[in-house]
Amino acid sequence: MLKTITTALFTTSLLTLPMAVSAHSNHCQDTQLGEQMKSLKHSFKAYRQALSGEDWQQMATARQDMLTLAAAAADEQPLKLHDLAPAHHPMMMQEYRSGLEQFSTLLTQLAQAEQAQDADAATDLVGRIGQHSKQSHESLRKDCD
């Protein structure tokens, strides 16, 4: 009986997987900005790991990667923009670019903490960057689920 249920669940999950992928591709699309955000997330994780070991060189490298990605992201448009009426586009783009500027400012402050080798300040800034990222995603990210 258990084997039959397990087989049925496995088969059902295999059959529904293409529908889930199709629903995502119909509703959302992969974009350059999405790829940049994935890379940014990876760099932020690398930064946090380097911070835990106080590896100042790795921290600087990861922070520089984040600055580069943020600058490149400024040229992109959030996918959510396409869901808004054209009259709201300038306001959303201003909010988006303002968020990136705030992010870059936090990264500049992080560089100063690195220069001073102040792990406490860097830890505080990492928390602020994480909070800023979360708030920005809540307001700007398209819900693709």
N, C-alpha and C. Protein backbone atom coordinates (compact mmCIF):
# COMPACT_ATOMS: atom_id res chain seq x y z
N MET A 1 0.82 -1.19 0.00
CA MET A 1 0.00 0.00 0.00
C MET A 1 0.88 1.26 0.00
N LEU A 2 1.88 1.29 0.90
CA LEU A 2 2.77 2.43 0.99
C LEU A 2 3.56 2.61 -0.31
N LYS A 3 3.95 1.49 -0.91
CA LYS A 3 4.69 1.55 -2.17
C LYS A 3 3.81 2.14 -3.27
N THR A 4 2.56 1.79 -3.31
CA THR A 4 1.62 2.31 -4.31
C THR A 4 1.43 3.82 -4.13
N ILE A 5 1.28 4.26 -2.89
CA ILE A 5 1.09 5.69 -2.62
C ILE A 5 2.35 6.46 -3.00
N THR A 6 3.51 5.93 -2.64
CA THR A 6 4.77 6.57 -2.97
C THR A 6 4.95 6.68 -4.48
N THR A 7 4.64 5.61 -5.19
CA THR A 7 4.74 5.62 -6.65
C THR A 7 3.78 6.64 -7.25
N ALA A 8 2.57 6.69 -6.73
CA ALA A 8 1.57 7.64 -7.23
C ALA A 8 2.02 9.08 -7.00
N LEU A 9 2.54 9.38 -5.82
CA LEU A 9 3.02 10.73 -5.53
C LEU A 9 4.20 11.11 -6.42
N PHE A 10 5.11 10.18 -6.61
CA PHE A 10 6.26 10.44 -7.46
C PHE A 10 5.82 10.72 -8.90
N THR A 11 4.92 9.89 -9.41
CA THR A 11 4.41 10.06 -10.77
C THR A 11 3.69 11.39 -10.92
N THR A 12 2.88 11.74 -9.94
CA THR A 12 2.15 13.01 -9.98
C THR A 12 3.11 14.19 -9.99
N SER A 13 4.14 14.12 -9.16
CA SER A 13 5.10 15.22 -9.12
C SER A 13 5.84 15.36 -10.45
N LEU A 14 6.17 14.26 -11.07
CA LEU A 14 6.84 14.31 -12.38
C LEU A 14 5.93 14.90 -13.45
N LEU A 15 4.65 14.55 -13.38
CA LEU A 15 3.71 15.05 -14.38
C LEU A 15 3.39 16.52 -14.19
N THR A 16 3.42 17.01 -12.97
CA THR A 16 3.08 18.42 -12.73
C THR A 16 4.27 19.35 -12.86
N LEU A 17 5.48 18.83 -12.84
CA LEU A 17 6.67 19.67 -12.96
C LEU A 17 6.68 20.50 -14.25
N PRO A 18 6.39 19.92 -15.42
CA PRO A 18 6.38 20.74 -16.62
C PRO A 18 5.34 21.86 -16.57
N MET A 19 4.21 21.62 -15.89
CA MET A 19 3.20 22.66 -15.78
C MET A 19 3.71 23.79 -14.91
N ALA A 20 4.43 23.49 -13.84
CA ALA A 20 4.97 24.52 -12.97
C ALA A 20 5.99 25.37 -13.72
N VAL A 21 6.85 24.73 -14.48
CA VAL A 21 7.84 25.46 -15.28
C VAL A 21 7.13 26.30 -16.33
N SER A 22 6.13 25.74 -16.97
CA SER A 22 5.37 26.46 -17.98
C SER A 22 4.66 27.66 -17.37
N ALA A 23 4.08 27.49 -16.20
CA ALA A 23 3.40 28.60 -15.55
C ALA A 23 4.37 29.72 -15.26
N HIS A 24 5.59 29.38 -14.82
CA HIS A 24 6.59 30.41 -14.56
C HIS A 24 6.97 31.12 -15.85
N SER A 25 7.21 30.37 -16.90
CA SER A 25 7.66 30.98 -18.14
C SER A 25 6.56 31.82 -18.79
N ASN A 26 5.31 31.44 -18.57
CA ASN A 26 4.22 32.24 -19.10
C ASN A 26 4.02 33.52 -18.29
N HIS A 27 4.28 33.44 -17.00
CA HIS A 27 4.00 34.54 -16.10
C HIS A 27 5.20 35.48 -15.95
N CYS A 28 6.38 34.93 -15.95
CA CYS A 28 7.61 35.68 -15.77
C CYS A 28 8.62 35.25 -16.82
N GLN A 29 9.66 36.00 -16.90
CA GLN A 29 10.71 35.64 -17.84
C GLN A 29 12.06 35.91 -17.20
N ASP A 30 13.05 35.18 -17.64
CA ASP A 30 14.39 35.43 -17.15
C ASP A 30 14.90 36.70 -17.81
N THR A 31 15.55 37.54 -17.03
CA THR A 31 16.03 38.82 -17.54
C THR A 31 17.48 39.02 -17.11
N GLN A 32 18.10 39.98 -17.74
CA GLN A 32 19.46 40.36 -17.37
C GLN A 32 19.48 40.84 -15.91
N LEU A 33 18.46 41.60 -15.53
CA LEU A 33 18.38 42.08 -14.15
C LEU A 33 18.27 40.92 -13.17
N GLY A 34 17.48 39.93 -13.52
CA GLY A 34 17.35 38.75 -12.67
C GLY A 34 18.68 38.04 -12.48
N GLU A 35 19.44 37.93 -13.56
CA GLU A 35 20.76 37.31 -13.47
C GLU A 35 21.70 38.14 -12.60
N GLN A 36 21.62 39.46 -12.75
CA GLN A 36 22.46 40.33 -11.93
C GLN A 36 22.10 40.20 -10.45
N MET A 37 20.80 40.09 -10.17
CA MET A 37 20.37 39.96 -8.78
C MET A 37 20.82 38.62 -8.18
N LYS A 38 20.82 37.57 -8.99
CA LYS A 38 21.34 36.28 -8.52
C LYS A 38 22.83 36.40 -8.19
N SER A 39 23.57 37.06 -9.06
CA SER A 39 25.00 37.26 -8.82
C SER A 39 25.23 38.13 -7.59
N LEU A 40 24.39 39.13 -7.43
CA LEU A 40 24.49 40.00 -6.26
C LEU A 40 24.24 39.22 -4.97
N LYS A 41 23.25 38.37 -5.01
CA LYS A 41 22.95 37.52 -3.84
C LYS A 41 24.15 36.63 -3.51
N HIS A 42 24.76 36.07 -4.54
CA HIS A 42 25.93 35.21 -4.35
C HIS A 42 27.10 36.02 -3.74
N SER A 43 27.32 37.22 -4.25
CA SER A 43 28.40 38.06 -3.73
C SER A 43 28.14 38.48 -2.29
N PHE A 44 26.88 38.75 -1.97
CA PHE A 44 26.53 39.14 -0.61
C PHE A 44 26.77 37.97 0.35
N LYS A 45 26.43 36.78 -0.11
CA LYS A 45 26.69 35.59 0.71
C LYS A 45 28.20 35.41 0.92
N ALA A 46 28.96 35.60 -0.15
CA ALA A 46 30.43 35.49 -0.05
C ALA A 46 30.97 36.53 0.92
N TYR A 47 30.39 37.72 0.89
CA TYR A 47 30.83 38.77 1.80
C TYR A 47 30.57 38.37 3.25
N ARG A 48 29.37 37.88 3.51
CA ARG A 48 29.03 37.48 4.88
C ARG A 48 29.95 36.37 5.38
N GLN A 49 30.27 35.43 4.50
CA GLN A 49 31.19 34.35 4.88
C GLN A 49 32.58 34.90 5.18
N ALA A 50 33.05 35.82 4.34
CA ALA A 50 34.37 36.42 4.56
C ALA A 50 34.37 37.24 5.85
N LEU A 51 33.27 37.91 6.13
CA LEU A 51 33.17 38.70 7.35
C LEU A 51 33.26 37.82 8.59
N SER A 52 32.64 36.67 8.53
CA SER A 52 32.67 35.78 9.70
C SER A 52 34.10 35.32 10.01
N GLY A 53 34.95 35.28 9.00
CA GLY A 53 36.35 34.92 9.21
C GLY A 53 37.28 36.13 9.22
N GLU A 54 36.69 37.32 9.14
CA GLU A 54 37.43 38.58 9.06
C GLU A 54 38.51 38.53 7.98
N ASP A 55 38.12 38.01 6.82
CA ASP A 55 39.01 37.97 5.66
C ASP A 55 38.79 39.26 4.87
N TRP A 56 39.56 40.28 5.22
CA TRP A 56 39.34 41.62 4.68
C TRP A 56 39.52 41.68 3.16
N GLN A 57 40.43 40.90 2.61
CA GLN A 57 40.65 40.90 1.17
C GLN A 57 39.44 40.32 0.44
N GLN A 58 38.93 39.20 0.92
CA GLN A 58 37.73 38.60 0.31
C GLN A 58 36.53 39.51 0.45
N MET A 59 36.44 40.19 1.59
CA MET A 59 35.34 41.13 1.81
C MET A 59 35.39 42.24 0.76
N ALA A 60 36.58 42.79 0.55
CA ALA A 60 36.74 43.87 -0.43
C ALA A 60 36.39 43.40 -1.84
N THR A 61 36.80 42.20 -2.17
CA THR A 61 36.50 41.65 -3.50
C THR A 61 34.99 41.47 -3.69
N ALA A 62 34.34 40.89 -2.70
CA ALA A 62 32.89 40.67 -2.79
C ALA A 62 32.14 42.00 -2.83
N ARG A 63 32.58 42.98 -2.04
CA ARG A 63 31.93 44.29 -2.03
C ARG A 63 32.09 44.97 -3.39
N GLN A 64 33.28 44.88 -3.97
CA GLN A 64 33.50 45.48 -5.28
C GLN A 64 32.62 44.82 -6.33
N ASP A 65 32.46 43.51 -6.25
CA ASP A 65 31.54 42.81 -7.16
C ASP A 65 30.13 43.35 -7.01
N MET A 66 29.70 43.57 -5.76
CA MET A 66 28.35 44.09 -5.52
C MET A 66 28.20 45.50 -6.09
N LEU A 67 29.23 46.34 -5.95
CA LEU A 67 29.17 47.69 -6.51
C LEU A 67 29.05 47.65 -8.03
N THR A 68 29.83 46.79 -8.65
CA THR A 68 29.79 46.65 -10.10
C THR A 68 28.42 46.18 -10.57
N LEU A 69 27.87 45.19 -9.89
CA LEU A 69 26.55 44.67 -10.25
C LEU A 69 25.46 45.72 -10.04
N ALA A 70 25.56 46.50 -8.97
CA ALA A 70 24.57 47.55 -8.71
C ALA A 70 24.62 48.61 -9.81
N ALA A 71 25.81 48.97 -10.25
CA ALA A 71 25.95 49.95 -11.32
C ALA A 71 25.34 49.42 -12.62
N ALA A 72 25.57 48.15 -12.92
CA ALA A 72 25.00 47.55 -14.13
C ALA A 72 23.49 47.44 -14.02
N ALA A 73 22.98 47.16 -12.83
CA ALA A 73 21.54 47.02 -12.63
C ALA A 73 20.80 48.34 -12.82
N ALA A 74 21.49 49.45 -12.65
CA ALA A 74 20.87 50.77 -12.82
C ALA A 74 20.39 50.97 -14.26
N ASP A 75 20.98 50.26 -15.20
CA ASP A 75 20.60 50.39 -16.61
C ASP A 75 19.43 49.48 -16.98
N GLU A 76 18.99 48.64 -16.06
CA GLU A 76 17.92 47.68 -16.33
C GLU A 76 16.58 48.21 -15.82
N GLN A 77 15.51 47.52 -16.24
CA GLN A 77 14.16 47.85 -15.77
C GLN A 77 13.57 46.65 -15.05
N PRO A 78 12.98 46.88 -13.87
CA PRO A 78 12.34 45.77 -13.17
C PRO A 78 11.19 45.20 -14.00
N LEU A 79 11.02 43.90 -13.97
CA LEU A 79 9.96 43.24 -14.72
C LEU A 79 8.58 43.73 -14.28
N LYS A 80 8.47 44.09 -13.01
CA LYS A 80 7.20 44.57 -12.47
C LYS A 80 6.72 45.84 -13.20
N LEU A 81 7.63 46.57 -13.77
CA LEU A 81 7.30 47.80 -14.49
C LEU A 81 6.27 47.54 -15.58
N HIS A 82 6.34 46.38 -16.20
CA HIS A 82 5.44 46.05 -17.31
C HIS A 82 4.01 45.84 -16.85
N ASP A 83 3.81 45.63 -15.54
CA ASP A 83 2.46 45.45 -15.00
C ASP A 83 1.78 46.77 -14.67
N LEU A 84 2.53 47.85 -14.70
CA LEU A 84 2.00 49.15 -14.31
C LEU A 84 1.55 49.96 -15.52
N ALA A 85 0.63 50.86 -15.27
CA ALA A 85 0.22 51.79 -16.31
C ALA A 85 1.41 52.68 -16.67
N PRO A 86 1.54 53.05 -17.93
CA PRO A 86 2.69 53.87 -18.35
C PRO A 86 2.88 55.15 -17.52
N ALA A 87 1.81 55.70 -17.01
CA ALA A 87 1.91 56.92 -16.21
C ALA A 87 2.70 56.69 -14.92
N HIS A 88 2.74 55.44 -14.44
CA HIS A 88 3.44 55.12 -13.20
C HIS A 88 4.90 54.70 -13.42
N HIS A 89 5.30 54.53 -14.67
CA HIS A 89 6.66 54.08 -14.96
C HIS A 89 7.74 55.01 -14.41
N PRO A 90 7.65 56.34 -14.64
CA PRO A 90 8.72 57.21 -14.13
C PRO A 90 8.85 57.15 -12.60
N MET A 91 7.73 57.07 -11.90
CA MET A 91 7.78 57.02 -10.44
C MET A 91 8.43 55.73 -9.96
N MET A 92 8.10 54.62 -10.61
CA MET A 92 8.68 53.35 -10.20
C MET A 92 10.18 53.32 -10.52
N MET A 93 10.56 53.84 -11.68
CA MET A 93 11.98 53.86 -12.03
C MET A 93 12.76 54.75 -11.06
N GLN A 94 12.14 55.85 -10.64
CA GLN A 94 12.80 56.72 -9.65
C GLN A 94 12.99 55.96 -8.34
N GLU A 95 11.97 55.23 -7.91
CA GLU A 95 12.06 54.44 -6.68
C GLU A 95 13.15 53.37 -6.82
N TYR A 96 13.19 52.73 -7.98
CA TYR A 96 14.18 51.68 -8.25
C TYR A 96 15.60 52.25 -8.19
N ARG A 97 15.82 53.35 -8.90
CA ARG A 97 17.17 53.94 -8.93
C ARG A 97 17.56 54.52 -7.57
N SER A 98 16.60 55.07 -6.86
CA SER A 98 16.87 55.57 -5.52
C SER A 98 17.31 54.42 -4.60
N GLY A 99 16.66 53.29 -4.72
CA GLY A 99 17.04 52.12 -3.94
C GLY A 99 18.45 51.66 -4.26
N LEU A 100 18.81 51.70 -5.53
CA LEU A 100 20.18 51.32 -5.92
C LEU A 100 21.20 52.31 -5.39
N GLU A 101 20.84 53.60 -5.38
CA GLU A 101 21.75 54.61 -4.83
C GLU A 101 21.95 54.40 -3.33
N GLN A 102 20.86 54.08 -2.62
CA GLN A 102 20.97 53.80 -1.19
C GLN A 102 21.86 52.57 -0.95
N PHE A 103 21.68 51.57 -1.79
CA PHE A 103 22.49 50.36 -1.70
C PHE A 103 23.97 50.69 -1.91
N SER A 104 24.26 51.49 -2.92
CA SER A 104 25.64 51.88 -3.20
C SER A 104 26.24 52.70 -2.05
N THR A 105 25.42 53.55 -1.44
CA THR A 105 25.88 54.32 -0.29
C THR A 105 26.25 53.40 0.87
N LEU A 106 25.42 52.40 1.11
CA LEU A 106 25.72 51.43 2.17
C LEU A 106 27.01 50.67 1.86
N LEU A 107 27.22 50.35 0.59
CA LEU A 107 28.46 49.65 0.21
C LEU A 107 29.68 50.55 0.40
N THR A 108 29.52 51.85 0.15
CA THR A 108 30.61 52.79 0.38
C THR A 108 30.94 52.87 1.87
N GLN A 109 29.91 52.88 2.70
CA GLN A 109 30.12 52.87 4.15
C GLN A 109 30.80 51.56 4.58
N LEU A 110 30.44 50.49 3.90
CA LEU A 110 31.05 49.20 4.19
C LEU A 110 32.55 49.23 3.86
N ALA A 111 32.89 49.89 2.77
CA ALA A 111 34.31 50.03 2.40
C ALA A 111 35.08 50.78 3.49
N GLN A 112 34.45 51.79 4.06
CA GLN A 112 35.09 52.55 5.14
C GLN A 112 35.30 51.66 6.37
N ALA A 113 34.32 50.82 6.68
CA ALA A 113 34.47 49.89 7.81
C ALA A 113 35.60 48.90 7.54
N GLU A 114 35.72 48.49 6.29
CA GLU A 114 36.81 47.57 5.92
C GLU A 114 38.17 48.26 6.08
N GLN A 115 38.24 49.51 5.64
CA GLN A 115 39.50 50.26 5.75
C GLN A 115 39.96 50.34 7.20
N ALA A 116 38.99 50.52 8.10
CA ALA A 116 39.29 50.61 9.53
C ALA A 116 39.39 49.23 10.18
N GLN A 117 39.11 48.20 9.39
CA GLN A 117 39.05 46.82 9.88
C GLN A 117 38.17 46.73 11.13
N ASP A 118 37.00 47.37 11.00
CA ASP A 118 36.01 47.41 12.08
C ASP A 118 34.93 46.36 11.79
N ALA A 119 35.12 45.18 12.33
CA ALA A 119 34.19 44.07 12.07
C ALA A 119 32.80 44.36 12.63
N ASP A 120 32.71 45.08 13.75
CA ASP A 120 31.40 45.40 14.33
C ASP A 120 30.61 46.32 13.40
N ALA A 121 31.27 47.35 12.89
CA ALA A 121 30.61 48.26 11.96
C ALA A 121 30.22 47.53 10.68
N ALA A 122 31.09 46.68 10.18
CA ALA A 122 30.79 45.91 8.97
C ALA A 122 29.60 45.00 9.20
N THR A 123 29.54 44.37 10.36
CA THR A 123 28.42 43.49 10.68
C THR A 123 27.11 44.27 10.73
N ASP A 124 27.15 45.46 11.34
CA ASP A 124 25.97 46.32 11.39
C ASP A 124 25.52 46.70 9.98
N LEU A 125 26.47 47.07 9.14
CA LEU A 125 26.15 47.47 7.77
C LEU A 125 25.62 46.30 6.95
N VAL A 126 26.15 45.12 7.17
CA VAL A 126 25.64 43.93 6.47
C VAL A 126 24.17 43.72 6.83
N GLY A 127 23.83 43.91 8.09
CA GLY A 127 22.44 43.81 8.52
C GLY A 127 21.57 44.85 7.85
N ARG A 128 22.08 46.07 7.76
CA ARG A 128 21.32 47.15 7.11
C ARG A 128 21.16 46.89 5.61
N ILE A 129 22.19 46.35 4.99
CA ILE A 129 22.11 46.02 3.56
C ILE A 129 21.08 44.92 3.34
N GLY A 130 21.09 43.91 4.19
CA GLY A 130 20.11 42.84 4.08
C GLY A 130 18.69 43.36 4.23
N GLN A 131 18.47 44.25 5.19
CA GLN A 131 17.14 44.82 5.40
C GLN A 131 16.73 45.68 4.22
N HIS A 132 17.67 46.48 3.71
CA HIS A 132 17.38 47.32 2.55
C HIS A 132 17.00 46.45 1.34
N SER A 133 17.75 45.39 1.14
CA SER A 133 17.47 44.49 0.03
C SER A 133 16.08 43.87 0.15
N LYS A 134 15.75 43.44 1.35
CA LYS A 134 14.44 42.82 1.58
C LYS A 134 13.32 43.81 1.29
N GLN A 135 13.44 45.03 1.79
CA GLN A 135 12.41 46.04 1.57
C GLN A 135 12.30 46.40 0.09
N SER A 136 13.43 46.51 -0.58
CA SER A 136 13.41 46.85 -2.00
C SER A 136 12.73 45.75 -2.81
N HIS A 137 13.04 44.51 -2.50
CA HIS A 137 12.42 43.40 -3.22
C HIS A 137 10.92 43.35 -2.98
N GLU A 138 10.49 43.63 -1.77
CA GLU A 138 9.06 43.60 -1.47
C GLU A 138 8.30 44.63 -2.30
N SER A 139 8.91 45.79 -2.53
CA SER A 139 8.20 46.83 -3.27
C SER A 139 8.40 46.77 -4.78
N LEU A 140 9.49 46.16 -5.24
CA LEU A 140 9.82 46.22 -6.66
C LEU A 140 9.79 44.89 -7.39
N ARG A 141 9.85 43.80 -6.68
CA ARG A 141 9.93 42.50 -7.35
C ARG A 141 8.55 42.02 -7.80
N LYS A 142 8.50 41.52 -9.00
CA LYS A 142 7.26 40.98 -9.53
C LYS A 142 7.00 39.62 -8.89
N ASP A 143 5.75 39.40 -8.48
CA ASP A 143 5.37 38.13 -7.87
C ASP A 143 5.13 37.13 -8.99
N CYS A 144 6.03 36.18 -9.12
CA CYS A 144 5.96 35.21 -10.22
C CYS A 144 5.42 33.86 -9.77
N ASP A 145 5.02 33.74 -8.54
CA ASP A 145 4.54 32.46 -8.03
C ASP A 145 3.07 32.27 -8.25
